[in-house]
PDB file of N, CA and C in Angstrom:
ATOM      1  N   UNK A   1       8.818 -23.339 -22.061  1.00  0.00           N
ATOM      2  CA  UNK A   1       9.203 -24.129 -22.319  1.00  0.00           C
ATOM      3  C   UNK A   1       8.783 -24.879 -23.434  1.00  0.00           C
ATOM      4  N   UNK A   2       9.288 -26.148 -24.116  1.00  0.00           N
ATOM      5  CA  UNK A   2       9.303 -25.830 -25.774  1.00  0.00           C
ATOM      6  C   UNK A   2       9.244 -27.237 -26.199  1.00  0.00           C
ATOM      7  N   UNK A   3       8.968 -28.236 -26.982  1.00  0.00           N
ATOM      8  CA  UNK A   3       8.722 -29.559 -27.483  1.00  0.00           C
ATOM      9  C   UNK A   3       9.441 -30.231 -28.559  1.00  0.00           C
ATOM     10  N   UNK A   4      10.370 -30.526 -28.667  1.00  0.00           N
ATOM     11  CA  UNK A   4      11.274 -31.180 -29.080  1.00  0.00           C
ATOM     12  C   UNK A   4      10.632 -32.550 -30.163  1.00  0.00           C
ATOM     13  N   UNK A   5      10.471 -33.077 -31.577  1.00  0.00           N
ATOM     14  CA  UNK A   5      10.003 -34.555 -31.672  1.00  0.00           C
ATOM     15  C   UNK A   5      11.410 -35.381 -31.664  1.00  0.00           C
ATOM     16  N   UNK A   6      10.920 -36.485 -31.161  1.00  0.00           N
ATOM     17  CA  UNK A   6      12.409 -37.031 -30.539  1.00  0.00           C
ATOM     18  C   UNK A   6      12.435 -38.283 -32.002  1.00  0.00           C
ATOM     19  N   UNK A   7      11.681 -39.206 -31.678  1.00  0.00           N
ATOM     20  CA  UNK A   7      11.302 -40.656 -31.982  1.00  0.00           C
ATOM     21  C   UNK A   7      10.143 -40.512 -32.388  1.00  0.00           C
ATOM     22  N   UNK A   8      10.404 -40.722 -34.757  1.00  0.00           N
ATOM     23  CA  UNK A   8       9.169 -41.672 -35.100  1.00  0.00           C
ATOM     24  C   UNK A   8       8.989 -43.198 -35.000  1.00  0.00           C
ATOM     25  N   UNK A   9       7.777 -43.423 -34.399  1.00  0.00           N
ATOM     26  CA  UNK A   9       7.967 -44.808 -33.831  1.00  0.00           C
ATOM     27  C   UNK A   9       7.309 -46.362 -34.485  1.00  0.00           C
ATOM     28  N   UNK A  10       7.843 -46.801 -34.729  1.00  0.00           N
ATOM     29  CA  UNK A  10       7.049 -48.034 -35.590  1.00  0.00           C
ATOM     30  C   UNK A  10       6.719 -49.314 -34.880  1.00  0.00           C
ATOM     31  N   UNK A  11       5.010 -49.322 -34.977  1.00  0.00           N
ATOM     32  CA  UNK A  11       5.116 -51.183 -34.125  1.00  0.00           C
ATOM     33  C   UNK A  11       5.450 -52.363 -35.159  1.00  0.00           C
ATOM     34  N   UNK A  12       6.019 -53.081 -34.553  1.00  0.00           N
ATOM     35  CA  UNK A  12       6.686 -53.919 -36.849  1.00  0.00           C
ATOM     36  C   UNK A  12       6.174 -55.773 -35.910  1.00  0.00           C
ATOM     37  N   UNK A  13       6.418 -56.362 -36.304  1.00  0.00           N
ATOM     38  CA  UNK A  13       6.936 -57.386 -35.647  1.00  0.00           C
ATOM     39  C   UNK A  13       8.410 -58.187 -35.738  1.00  0.00           C
ATOM     40  N   UNK A  14       9.410 -57.100 -36.396  1.00  0.00           N
ATOM     41  CA  UNK A  14      10.481 -57.815 -36.114  1.00  0.00           C
ATOM     42  C   UNK A  14      10.939 -56.632 -36.484  1.00  0.00           C
ATOM     43  N   UNK A  15      10.918 -55.890 -35.164  1.00  0.00           N
ATOM     44  CA  UNK A  15      12.607 -54.580 -35.557  1.00  0.00           C
ATOM     45  C   UNK A  15      13.130 -54.429 -36.330  1.00  0.00           C
ATOM     46  N   UNK A  16      14.540 -55.695 -36.147  1.00  0.00           N
ATOM     47  CA  UNK A  16      15.693 -55.015 -36.868  1.00  0.00           C
ATOM     48  C   UNK A  16      15.453 -55.215 -37.912  1.00  0.00           C
ATOM     49  N   UNK A  17      14.722 -55.554 -38.204  1.00  0.00           N
ATOM     50  CA  UNK A  17      14.758 -56.004 -40.543  1.00  0.00           C
ATOM     51  C   UNK A  17      13.351 -54.666 -40.771  1.00  0.00           C
ATOM     52  N   UNK A  18      13.068 -54.102 -40.116  1.00  0.00           N
ATOM     53  CA  UNK A  18      11.622 -53.155 -40.452  1.00  0.00           C
ATOM     54  C   UNK A  18      13.252 -52.211 -40.556  1.00  0.00           C
ATOM     55  N   UNK A  19      13.737 -51.661 -39.571  1.00  0.00           N
ATOM     56  CA  UNK A  19      14.538 -51.110 -38.845  1.00  0.00           C
ATOM     57  C   UNK A  19      16.128 -50.663 -40.390  1.00  0.00           C
ATOM     58  N   UNK A  20      16.588 -51.988 -41.408  1.00  0.00           N
ATOM     59  CA  UNK A  20      17.301 -53.067 -41.646  1.00  0.00           C
ATOM     60  C   UNK A  20      16.774 -51.959 -42.719  1.00  0.00           C
ATOM     61  N   UNK A  21      15.369 -51.874 -43.309  1.00  0.00           N
ATOM     62  CA  UNK A  21      14.659 -51.498 -44.848  1.00  0.00           C
ATOM     63  C   UNK A  21      15.424 -49.949 -44.437  1.00  0.00           C
ATOM     64  N   UNK A  22      14.101 -49.349 -42.927  1.00  0.00           N
ATOM     65  CA  UNK A  22      14.653 -48.142 -43.281  1.00  0.00           C
ATOM     66  C   UNK A  22      15.595 -47.706 -42.967  1.00  0.00           C
ATOM     67  N   UNK A  23      16.482 -47.540 -42.346  1.00  0.00           N
ATOM     68  CA  UNK A  23      18.072 -47.135 -42.742  1.00  0.00           C
ATOM     69  C   UNK A  23      18.806 -47.192 -43.849  1.00  0.00           C
ATOM     70  N   UNK A  24      18.401 -48.335 -44.631  1.00  0.00           N
ATOM     71  CA  UNK A  24      18.652 -48.293 -46.865  1.00  0.00           C
ATOM     72  C   UNK A  24      18.265 -47.365 -46.886  1.00  0.00           C
ATOM     73  N   UNK A  25      16.074 -46.762 -46.697  1.00  0.00           N
ATOM     74  CA  UNK A  25      15.518 -45.339 -47.624  1.00  0.00           C
ATOM     75  C   UNK A  25      16.251 -44.850 -47.204  1.00  0.00           C
ATOM     76  N   UNK A  26      17.272 -44.499 -46.136  1.00  0.00           N
ATOM     77  CA  UNK A  26      17.887 -43.285 -45.507  1.00  0.00           C
ATOM     78  C   UNK A  26      19.411 -42.354 -45.722  1.00  0.00           C
ATOM     79  N   UNK A  27      19.697 -43.761 -46.206  1.00  0.00           N
ATOM     80  CA  UNK A  27      20.893 -44.259 -45.884  1.00  0.00           C
ATOM     81  C   UNK A  27      22.038 -44.205 -45.534  1.00  0.00           C
ATOM     82  N   UNK A  28      21.549 -44.768 -44.360  1.00  0.00           N
ATOM     83  CA  UNK A  28      21.453 -44.560 -42.753  1.00  0.00           C
ATOM     84  C   UNK A  28      22.770 -46.635 -42.221  1.00  0.00           C
ATOM     85  N   UNK A  29      23.232 -46.089 -41.238  1.00  0.00           N
ATOM     86  CA  UNK A  29      23.821 -47.166 -41.117  1.00  0.00           C
ATOM     87  C   UNK A  29      22.556 -47.699 -39.454  1.00  0.00           C
ATOM     88  N   UNK A  30      21.776 -48.639 -39.214  1.00  0.00           N
ATOM     89  CA  UNK A  30      21.165 -48.721 -37.851  1.00  0.00           C
ATOM     90  C   UNK A  30      21.447 -49.070 -36.125  1.00  0.00           C
ATOM     91  N   UNK A  31      21.375 -48.426 -35.773  1.00  0.00           N
ATOM     92  CA  UNK A  31      22.346 -48.030 -34.847  1.00  0.00           C
ATOM     93  C   UNK A  31      23.035 -49.698 -33.862  1.00  0.00           C
ATOM     94  N   UNK A  32      23.638 -49.781 -33.189  1.00  0.00           N
ATOM     95  CA  UNK A  32      24.770 -50.764 -32.859  1.00  0.00           C
ATOM     96  C   UNK A  32      23.435 -51.137 -32.157  1.00  0.00           C
ATOM     97  N   UNK A  33      22.827 -51.317 -30.678  1.00  0.00           N
ATOM     98  CA  UNK A  33      22.497 -51.336 -30.047  1.00  0.00           C
ATOM     99  C   UNK A  33      20.715 -52.384 -30.019  1.00  0.00           C
ATOM    100  N   UNK A  34      20.962 -52.846 -31.565  1.00  0.00           N
ATOM    101  CA  UNK A  34      20.063 -52.817 -32.124  1.00  0.00           C
ATOM    102  C   UNK A  34      19.137 -54.192 -32.164  1.00  0.00           C
ATOM    103  N   UNK A  35      18.311 -54.881 -31.495  1.00  0.00           N
ATOM    104  CA  UNK A  35      17.936 -56.229 -32.169  1.00  0.00           C
ATOM    105  C   UNK A  35      16.299 -56.403 -33.153  1.00  0.00           C
ATOM    106  N   UNK A  36      15.381 -57.880 -32.751  1.00  0.00           N
ATOM    107  CA  UNK A  36      14.187 -58.273 -33.417  1.00  0.00           C
ATOM    108  C   UNK A  36      13.187 -57.744 -32.599  1.00  0.00           C
ATOM    109  N   UNK A  37      13.456 -56.741 -31.120  1.00  0.00           N
ATOM    110  CA  UNK A  37      12.138 -55.841 -30.527  1.00  0.00           C
ATOM    111  C   UNK A  37      12.411 -55.099 -30.120  1.00  0.00           C
ATOM    112  N   UNK A  38      13.813 -54.056 -30.191  1.00  0.00           N
ATOM    113  CA  UNK A  38      14.254 -52.674 -30.035  1.00  0.00           C
ATOM    114  C   UNK A  38      14.895 -52.197 -31.112  1.00  0.00           C
ATOM    115  N   UNK A  39      15.217 -51.394 -31.988  1.00  0.00           N
ATOM    116  CA  UNK A  39      15.451 -51.134 -33.288  1.00  0.00           C
ATOM    117  C   UNK A  39      15.631 -49.276 -33.120  1.00  0.00           C
ATOM    118  N   UNK A  40      16.920 -48.824 -32.968  1.00  0.00           N
ATOM    119  CA  UNK A  40      16.837 -47.717 -34.200  1.00  0.00           C
ATOM    120  C   UNK A  40      18.178 -46.559 -35.195  1.00  0.00           C
ATOM    121  N   UNK A  41      16.999 -45.913 -35.809  1.00  0.00           N
ATOM    122  CA  UNK A  41      17.561 -45.550 -36.715  1.00  0.00           C
ATOM    123  C   UNK A  41      18.180 -43.808 -36.272  1.00  0.00           C
ATOM    124  N   UNK A  42      18.944 -43.705 -36.956  1.00  0.00           N
ATOM    125  CA  UNK A  42      19.707 -41.586 -37.528  1.00  0.00           C
ATOM    126  C   UNK A  42      19.325 -41.897 -35.453  1.00  0.00           C
ATOM    127  N   UNK A  43      19.989 -42.121 -34.849  1.00  0.00           N
ATOM    128  CA  UNK A  43      19.464 -41.616 -32.862  1.00  0.00           C
ATOM    129  C   UNK A  43      20.925 -39.991 -32.514  1.00  0.00           C
ATOM    130  N   UNK A  44      22.016 -40.168 -34.111  1.00  0.00           N
ATOM    131  CA  UNK A  44      22.948 -39.557 -33.340  1.00  0.00           C
ATOM    132  C   UNK A  44      23.048 -38.615 -34.432  1.00  0.00           C
ATOM    133  N   UNK A  45      22.508 -38.091 -35.019  1.00  0.00           N
ATOM    134  CA  UNK A  45      21.516 -37.053 -35.747  1.00  0.00           C
ATOM    135  C   UNK A  45      20.358 -35.633 -35.204  1.00  0.00           C
ATOM    136  N   UNK A  46      20.717 -35.371 -36.132  1.00  0.00           N
ATOM    137  CA  UNK A  46      20.051 -33.425 -35.546  1.00  0.00           C
ATOM    138  C   UNK A  46      18.220 -34.133 -35.638  1.00  0.00           C
ATOM    139  N   UNK A  47      18.181 -34.689 -36.139  1.00  0.00           N
ATOM    140  CA  UNK A  47      15.959 -35.109 -36.203  1.00  0.00           C
ATOM    141  C   UNK A  47      16.513 -35.937 -35.896  1.00  0.00           C
ATOM    142  N   UNK A  48      14.356 -36.333 -36.191  1.00  0.00           N
ATOM    143  CA  UNK A  48      13.887 -37.083 -35.327  1.00  0.00           C
ATOM    144  C   UNK A  48      14.744 -38.554 -35.150  1.00  0.00           C
ATOM    145  N   UNK A  49      14.897 -39.984 -34.457  1.00  0.00           N
ATOM    146  CA  UNK A  49      15.128 -41.214 -34.829  1.00  0.00           C
ATOM    147  C   UNK A  49      14.294 -41.887 -34.926  1.00  0.00           C
ATOM    148  N   UNK A  50      14.530 -42.065 -36.066  1.00  0.00           N
ATOM    149  CA  UNK A  50      13.419 -43.902 -36.239  1.00  0.00           C
ATOM    150  C   UNK A  50      13.326 -45.093 -34.908  1.00  0.00           C
ATOM    151  N   UNK A  51      12.786 -44.654 -34.263  1.00  0.00           N
ATOM    152  CA  UNK A  51      12.011 -45.998 -33.663  1.00  0.00           C
ATOM    153  C   UNK A  51      11.581 -47.195 -34.385  1.00  0.00           C
ATOM    154  N   UNK A  52      11.913 -49.182 -33.705  1.00  0.00           N
ATOM    155  CA  UNK A  52      10.631 -49.866 -34.183  1.00  0.00           C
ATOM    156  C   UNK A  52      10.614 -50.424 -32.706  1.00  0.00           C
ATOM    157  N   UNK A  53       9.316 -50.625 -32.805  1.00  0.00           N
ATOM    158  CA  UNK A  53       9.360 -52.105 -31.453  1.00  0.00           C
ATOM    159  C   UNK A  53       8.063 -53.120 -32.108  1.00  0.00           C
ATOM    160  N   UNK A  54       8.870 -54.869 -31.511  1.00  0.00           N
ATOM    161  CA  UNK A  54       8.628 -55.145 -31.662  1.00  0.00           C
ATOM    162  C   UNK A  54       6.653 -55.397 -30.800  1.00  0.00           C
ATOM    163  N   UNK A  55       5.246 -55.638 -30.892  1.00  0.00           N
ATOM    164  CA  UNK A  55       3.779 -56.085 -31.005  1.00  0.00           C
ATOM    165  C   UNK A  55       4.048 -56.806 -31.547  1.00  0.00           C
ATOM    166  N   UNK A  56       3.081 -58.037 -30.651  1.00  0.00           N
ATOM    167  CA  UNK A  56       1.974 -59.447 -31.158  1.00  0.00           C
ATOM    168  C   UNK A  56       2.093 -59.681 -32.530  1.00  0.00           C
ATOM    169  N   UNK A  57       0.298 -58.101 -32.625  1.00  0.00           N
ATOM    170  CA  UNK A  57      -0.201 -58.016 -33.048  1.00  0.00           C
ATOM    171  C   UNK A  57      -0.146 -57.247 -34.938  1.00  0.00           C
ATOM    172  N   UNK A  58      -0.621 -58.107 -35.766  1.00  0.00           N
ATOM    173  CA  UNK A  58       0.136 -57.731 -36.970  1.00  0.00           C
ATOM    174  C   UNK A  58      -0.510 -56.339 -37.232  1.00  0.00           C
ATOM    175  N   UNK A  59       0.284 -55.147 -38.316  1.00  0.00           N
ATOM    176  CA  UNK A  59      -0.421 -54.045 -38.715  1.00  0.00           C
ATOM    177  C   UNK A  59      -2.033 -54.354 -39.251  1.00  0.00           C
ATOM    178  N   UNK A  60      -3.219 -54.121 -39.342  1.00  0.00           N
ATOM    179  CA  UNK A  60      -4.702 -54.587 -39.378  1.00  0.00           C
ATOM    180  C   UNK A  60      -5.259 -53.348 -40.782  1.00  0.00           C
ATOM    181  N   UNK A  61      -4.725 -52.285 -41.085  1.00  0.00           N
ATOM    182  CA  UNK A  61      -5.497 -51.491 -41.070  1.00  0.00           C
ATOM    183  C   UNK A  61      -4.898 -50.285 -41.606  1.00  0.00           C
ATOM    184  N   UNK A  62      -4.692 -49.408 -42.023  1.00  0.00           N
ATOM    185  CA  UNK A  62      -4.114 -48.249 -43.261  1.00  0.00           C
ATOM    186  C   UNK A  62      -4.033 -47.523 -42.504  1.00  0.00           C
ATOM    187  N   UNK A  63      -2.341 -47.283 -41.555  1.00  0.00           N
ATOM    188  CA  UNK A  63      -1.341 -46.810 -41.594  1.00  0.00           C
ATOM    189  C   UNK A  63      -2.285 -45.399 -41.684  1.00  0.00           C
ATOM    190  N   UNK A  64      -2.579 -43.958 -40.317  1.00  0.00           N
ATOM    191  CA  UNK A  64      -3.340 -43.390 -40.326  1.00  0.00           C
ATOM    192  C   UNK A  64      -1.880 -41.821 -40.019  1.00  0.00           C
ATOM    193  N   UNK A  65      -0.741 -42.837 -39.887  1.00  0.00           N
ATOM    194  CA  UNK A  65       0.799 -41.504 -40.681  1.00  0.00           C
ATOM    195  C   UNK A  65       0.804 -41.968 -41.157  1.00  0.00           C
ATOM    196  N   UNK A  66       1.890 -41.260 -42.177  1.00  0.00           N
ATOM    197  CA  UNK A  66       2.953 -41.917 -42.801  1.00  0.00           C
ATOM    198  C   UNK A  66       3.890 -41.394 -43.224  1.00  0.00           C
ATOM    199  N   UNK A  67       4.900 -41.107 -43.962  1.00  0.00           N
ATOM    200  CA  UNK A  67       6.404 -40.723 -44.062  1.00  0.00           C
ATOM    201  C   UNK A  67       5.242 -39.768 -44.752  1.00  0.00           C
ATOM    202  N   UNK A  68       5.923 -38.751 -45.799  1.00  0.00           N
ATOM    203  CA  UNK A  68       6.246 -38.443 -47.229  1.00  0.00           C
ATOM    204  C   UNK A  68       8.018 -37.874 -47.413  1.00  0.00           C
ATOM    205  N   UNK A  69       8.798 -38.383 -48.444  1.00  0.00           N
ATOM    206  CA  UNK A  69       9.732 -39.055 -48.320  1.00  0.00           C
ATOM    207  C   UNK A  69       9.818 -37.742 -49.850  1.00  0.00           C
ATOM    208  N   UNK A  70      11.280 -36.987 -50.441  1.00  0.00           N
ATOM    209  CA  UNK A  70      10.674 -36.230 -51.710  1.00  0.00           C
ATOM    210  C   UNK A  70      12.959 -36.427 -52.450  1.00  0.00           C
ATOM    211  N   UNK A  71      12.801 -36.531 -53.287  1.00  0.00           N
ATOM    212  CA  UNK A  71      14.639 -36.155 -54.175  1.00  0.00           C
ATOM    213  C   UNK A  71      13.697 -35.489 -55.853  1.00  0.00           C
ATOM    214  N   UNK A  72      14.532 -35.364 -55.361  1.00  0.00           N
ATOM    215  CA  UNK A  72      14.883 -34.611 -57.132  1.00  0.00           C
ATOM    216  C   UNK A  72      15.256 -35.368 -58.278  1.00  0.00           C
ATOM    217  N   UNK A  73      15.480 -36.951 -57.821  1.00  0.00           N
ATOM    218  CA  UNK A  73      15.728 -37.921 -58.704  1.00  0.00           C
ATOM    219  C   UNK A  73      15.255 -38.523 -58.572  1.00  0.00           C
ATOM    220  N   UNK A  74      14.297 -38.553 -59.116  1.00  0.00           N
ATOM    221  CA  UNK A  74      12.714 -39.632 -58.521  1.00  0.00           C
ATOM    222  C   UNK A  74      13.192 -40.801 -58.937  1.00  0.00           C
ATOM    223  N   UNK A  75      12.866 -41.203 -60.254  1.00  0.00           N
ATOM    224  CA  UNK A  75      12.794 -43.172 -60.439  1.00  0.00           C
ATOM    225  C   UNK A  75      13.674 -43.831 -60.242  1.00  0.00           C
ATOM    226  N   UNK A  76      15.202 -42.377 -59.809  1.00  0.00           N
ATOM    227  CA  UNK A  76      16.118 -43.359 -59.440  1.00  0.00           C
ATOM    228  C   UNK A  76      16.068 -43.697 -58.586  1.00  0.00           C
ATOM    229  N   UNK A  77      15.444 -42.818 -57.753  1.00  0.00           N
ATOM    230  CA  UNK A  77      15.553 -43.353 -56.180  1.00  0.00           C
ATOM    231  C   UNK A  77      13.890 -44.512 -56.090  1.00  0.00           C
ATOM    232  N   UNK A  78      13.211 -44.001 -57.311  1.00  0.00           N
ATOM    233  CA  UNK A  78      11.432 -44.991 -56.475  1.00  0.00           C
ATOM    234  C   UNK A  78      12.125 -46.136 -56.486  1.00  0.00           C
ATOM    235  N   UNK A  79      12.862 -47.396 -57.980  1.00  0.00           N
ATOM    236  CA  UNK A  79      13.690 -47.861 -58.274  1.00  0.00           C
ATOM    237  C   UNK A  79      14.425 -48.857 -57.248  1.00  0.00           C
ATOM    238  N   UNK A  80      15.018 -47.497 -56.229  1.00  0.00           N
ATOM    239  CA  UNK A  80      16.118 -48.100 -55.477  1.00  0.00           C
ATOM    240  C   UNK A  80      15.720 -48.820 -54.323  1.00  0.00           C
ATOM    241  N   UNK A  81      14.025 -47.603 -53.830  1.00  0.00           N
ATOM    242  CA  UNK A  81      13.331 -48.003 -52.462  1.00  0.00           C
ATOM    243  C   UNK A  81      12.421 -50.122 -52.960  1.00  0.00           C
ATOM    244  N   UNK A  82      12.005 -49.471 -54.273  1.00  0.00           N
ATOM    245  CA  UNK A  82      11.420 -51.189 -54.450  1.00  0.00           C
ATOM    246  C   UNK A  82      13.052 -52.310 -54.761  1.00  0.00           C
ATOM    247  N   UNK A  83      13.667 -52.128 -54.797  1.00  0.00           N
ATOM    248  CA  UNK A  83      14.770 -52.879 -54.736  1.00  0.00           C
ATOM    249  C   UNK A  83      14.916 -53.500 -53.295  1.00  0.00           C
ATOM    250  N   UNK A  84      14.817 -52.470 -52.665  1.00  0.00           N
ATOM    251  CA  UNK A  84      14.572 -52.761 -50.424  1.00  0.00           C
ATOM    252  C   UNK A  84      13.842 -53.553 -50.088  1.00  0.00           C
ATOM    253  N   UNK A  85      12.854 -53.613 -50.516  1.00  0.00           N
ATOM    254  CA  UNK A  85      11.465 -54.653 -50.515  1.00  0.00           C
ATOM    255  C   UNK A  85      10.036 -53.660 -50.631  1.00  0.00           C
ATOM    256  N   UNK A  86      10.220 -51.885 -50.387  1.00  0.00           N
ATOM    257  CA  UNK A  86       9.429 -51.687 -51.079  1.00  0.00           C
ATOM    258  C   UNK A  86       7.994 -51.987 -52.266  1.00  0.00           C
ATOM    259  N   UNK A  87       7.190 -52.374 -51.497  1.00  0.00           N
ATOM    260  CA  UNK A  87       6.204 -52.241 -53.054  1.00  0.00           C
ATOM    261  C   UNK A  87       4.600 -50.816 -53.231  1.00  0.00           C
ATOM    262  N   UNK A  88       4.610 -50.905 -54.972  1.00  0.00           N
ATOM    263  CA  UNK A  88       4.619 -49.565 -55.250  1.00  0.00           C
ATOM    264  C   UNK A  88       2.768 -50.187 -55.178  1.00  0.00           C
ATOM    265  N   UNK A  89       2.261 -48.961 -54.741  1.00  0.00           N
ATOM    266  CA  UNK A  89       0.936 -48.790 -54.586  1.00  0.00           C
ATOM    267  C   UNK A  89      -0.421 -48.057 -55.642  1.00  0.00           C
ATOM    268  N   UNK A  90       0.221 -46.214 -55.826  1.00  0.00           N
ATOM    269  CA  UNK A  90      -0.091 -46.139 -55.919  1.00  0.00           C
ATOM    270  C   UNK A  90      -0.052 -44.956 -56.686  1.00  0.00           C
ATOM    271  N   UNK A  91      -0.129 -43.549 -57.682  1.00  0.00           N
ATOM    272  CA  UNK A  91       0.137 -43.203 -57.619  1.00  0.00           C
ATOM    273  C   UNK A  91       0.012 -41.481 -58.657  1.00  0.00           C
ATOM    274  N   UNK A  92       0.493 -40.371 -58.008  1.00  0.00           N
ATOM    275  CA  UNK A  92      -0.871 -39.334 -58.090  1.00  0.00           C
ATOM    276  C   UNK A  92       0.123 -37.675 -58.321  1.00  0.00           C
ATOM    277  N   UNK A  93      -0.738 -36.490 -58.668  1.00  0.00           N
ATOM    278  CA  UNK A  93      -0.072 -35.912 -59.596  1.00  0.00           C
ATOM    279  C   UNK A  93      -1.597 -34.984 -58.659  1.00  0.00           C
ATOM    280  N   UNK A  94      -1.571 -34.137 -57.430  1.00  0.00           N
ATOM    281  CA  UNK A  94      -1.856 -33.080 -56.956  1.00  0.00           C
ATOM    282  C   UNK A  94      -1.712 -31.924 -56.913  1.00  0.00           C
ATOM    283  N   UNK A  95      -2.362 -30.686 -56.228  1.00  0.00           N
ATOM    284  CA  UNK A  95      -1.977 -29.858 -55.913  1.00  0.00           C
ATOM    285  C   UNK A  95      -0.027 -29.119 -56.380  1.00  0.00           C
ATOM    286  N   UNK A  96      -0.206 -29.303 -57.028  1.00  0.00           N
ATOM    287  CA  UNK A  96       1.217 -28.809 -57.671  1.00  0.00           C
ATOM    288  C   UNK A  96       2.220 -30.513 -57.795  1.00  0.00           C
ATOM    289  N   UNK A  97       1.877 -31.575 -56.946  1.00  0.00           N
ATOM    290  CA  UNK A  97       2.913 -32.200 -56.381  1.00  0.00           C
ATOM    291  C   UNK A  97       2.747 -33.431 -57.014  1.00  0.00           C
ATOM    292  N   UNK A  98       3.801 -34.510 -57.681  1.00  0.00           N
ATOM    293  CA  UNK A  98       3.053 -36.006 -58.381  1.00  0.00           C
ATOM    294  C   UNK A  98       4.329 -36.556 -57.255  1.00  0.00           C
ATOM    295  N   UNK A  99       3.992 -37.837 -57.071  1.00  0.00           N
ATOM    296  CA  UNK A  99       4.315 -38.651 -55.783  1.00  0.00           C
ATOM    297  C   UNK A  99       3.558 -40.000 -56.230  1.00  0.00           C
ATOM    298  N   UNK A 100       4.292 -40.997 -55.591  1.00  0.00           N
ATOM    299  CA  UNK A 100       4.330 -42.133 -55.053  1.00  0.00           C
ATOM    300  C   UNK A 100       3.708 -42.908 -54.656  1.00  0.00           C
ATOM    301  N   UNK A 101       2.450 -43.801 -53.528  1.00  0.00           N
ATOM    302  CA  UNK A 101       2.330 -43.915 -52.032  1.00  0.00           C
ATOM    303  C   UNK A 101       3.295 -45.824 -52.505  1.00  0.00           C
ATOM    304  N   UNK A 102       4.137 -46.036 -51.293  1.00  0.00           N
ATOM    305  CA  UNK A 102       4.917 -47.192 -51.462  1.00  0.00           C
ATOM    306  C   UNK A 102       4.124 -48.017 -49.862  1.00  0.00           C
ATOM    307  N   UNK A 103       5.065 -49.275 -49.722  1.00  0.00           N
ATOM    308  CA  UNK A 103       4.642 -49.842 -48.450  1.00  0.00           C
ATOM    309  C   UNK A 103       5.500 -50.321 -48.032  1.00  0.00           C
ATOM    310  N   UNK A 104       6.238 -49.965 -46.435  1.00  0.00           N
ATOM    311  CA  UNK A 104       7.502 -50.790 -46.238  1.00  0.00           C
ATOM    312  C   UNK A 104       7.132 -51.938 -46.340  1.00  0.00           C
ATOM    313  N   UNK A 105       8.177 -52.996 -46.327  1.00  0.00           N
ATOM    314  CA  UNK A 105       8.582 -54.732 -45.810  1.00  0.00           C
ATOM    315  C   UNK A 105       6.326 -55.146 -44.678  1.00  0.00           C
ATOM    316  N   UNK A 106       6.207 -54.586 -44.128  1.00  0.00           N
ATOM    317  CA  UNK A 106       5.339 -54.770 -43.391  1.00  0.00           C
ATOM    318  C   UNK A 106       3.693 -54.462 -44.002  1.00  0.00           C
ATOM    319  N   UNK A 107       4.577 -53.159 -44.875  1.00  0.00           N
ATOM    320  CA  UNK A 107       2.594 -52.447 -45.327  1.00  0.00           C
ATOM    321  C   UNK A 107       2.435 -51.509 -45.222  1.00  0.00           C
ATOM    322  N   UNK A 108       3.445 -50.102 -43.785  1.00  0.00           N
ATOM    323  CA  UNK A 108       3.483 -49.175 -43.377  1.00  0.00           C
ATOM    324  C   UNK A 108       3.752 -48.537 -44.714  1.00  0.00           C
ATOM    325  N   UNK A 109       2.278 -47.651 -45.002  1.00  0.00           N
ATOM    326  CA  UNK A 109       2.129 -46.768 -45.819  1.00  0.00           C
ATOM    327  C   UNK A 109       3.314 -46.162 -46.305  1.00  0.00           C
ATOM    328  N   UNK A 110       4.288 -45.216 -47.122  1.00  0.00           N
ATOM    329  CA  UNK A 110       4.846 -43.685 -47.168  1.00  0.00           C
ATOM    330  C   UNK A 110       3.985 -42.835 -48.700  1.00  0.00           C
ATOM    331  N   UNK A 111       5.140 -41.956 -48.820  1.00  0.00           N
ATOM    332  CA  UNK A 111       5.211 -41.512 -49.981  1.00  0.00           C
ATOM    333  C   UNK A 111       6.175 -40.474 -50.926  1.00  0.00           C
ATOM    334  N   UNK A 112       6.640 -40.907 -51.725  1.00  0.00           N
ATOM    335  CA  UNK A 112       8.105 -40.390 -51.989  1.00  0.00           C
ATOM    336  C   UNK A 112       7.430 -39.415 -53.683  1.00  0.00           C
ATOM    337  N   UNK A 113       7.914 -37.824 -52.804  1.00  0.00           N
ATOM    338  CA  UNK A 113       7.638 -37.458 -53.863  1.00  0.00           C
ATOM    339  C   UNK A 113       8.591 -36.791 -54.754  1.00  0.00           C
ATOM    340  N   UNK A 114       8.483 -35.822 -56.003  1.00  0.00           N
ATOM    341  CA  UNK A 114       8.875 -36.155 -57.213  1.00  0.00           C
ATOM    342  C   UNK A 114       9.035 -34.266 -57.388  1.00  0.00           C
ATOM    343  N   UNK A 115      10.910 -33.646 -57.003  1.00  0.00           N
ATOM    344  CA  UNK A 115      10.944 -32.397 -56.201  1.00  0.00           C
ATOM    345  C   UNK A 115      10.807 -31.650 -57.582  1.00  0.00           C
ATOM    346  N   UNK A 116      10.850 -32.093 -58.994  1.00  0.00           N
ATOM    347  CA  UNK A 116      11.182 -31.922 -59.926  1.00  0.00           C
ATOM    348  C   UNK A 116       9.742 -31.308 -60.766  1.00  0.00           C
ATOM    349  N   UNK A 117       8.491 -31.768 -60.482  1.00  0.00           N
ATOM    350  CA  UNK A 117       7.665 -32.060 -61.041  1.00  0.00           C
ATOM    351  C   UNK A 117       6.745 -30.577 -61.361  1.00  0.00           C
TER     352      UNK A 117
END
């Protein structure tokens, strides 16, 4: 028996809005049947689907799990993510990697690493 990673789920206040942000990050479309209560991104791809579920309570503390993204065109992609609505939080160079920590529009943190560093 084997296990596969099927979905990465985000609790959020507006599933369609947060799915639109993450679809923009990944340069893909939000899946067709999405709405403010439930939305998915990348369901037809081979990798995991990003799934967004509306919940009544807001995020109140730092998330314990986050996505690490990487690119060879770091400055351009960083500017693009900020234009999509990401907020810059911190910047690091450790363990031989240069990355910046950002937050999505609902405050979920994620990192963008520079593969050229």
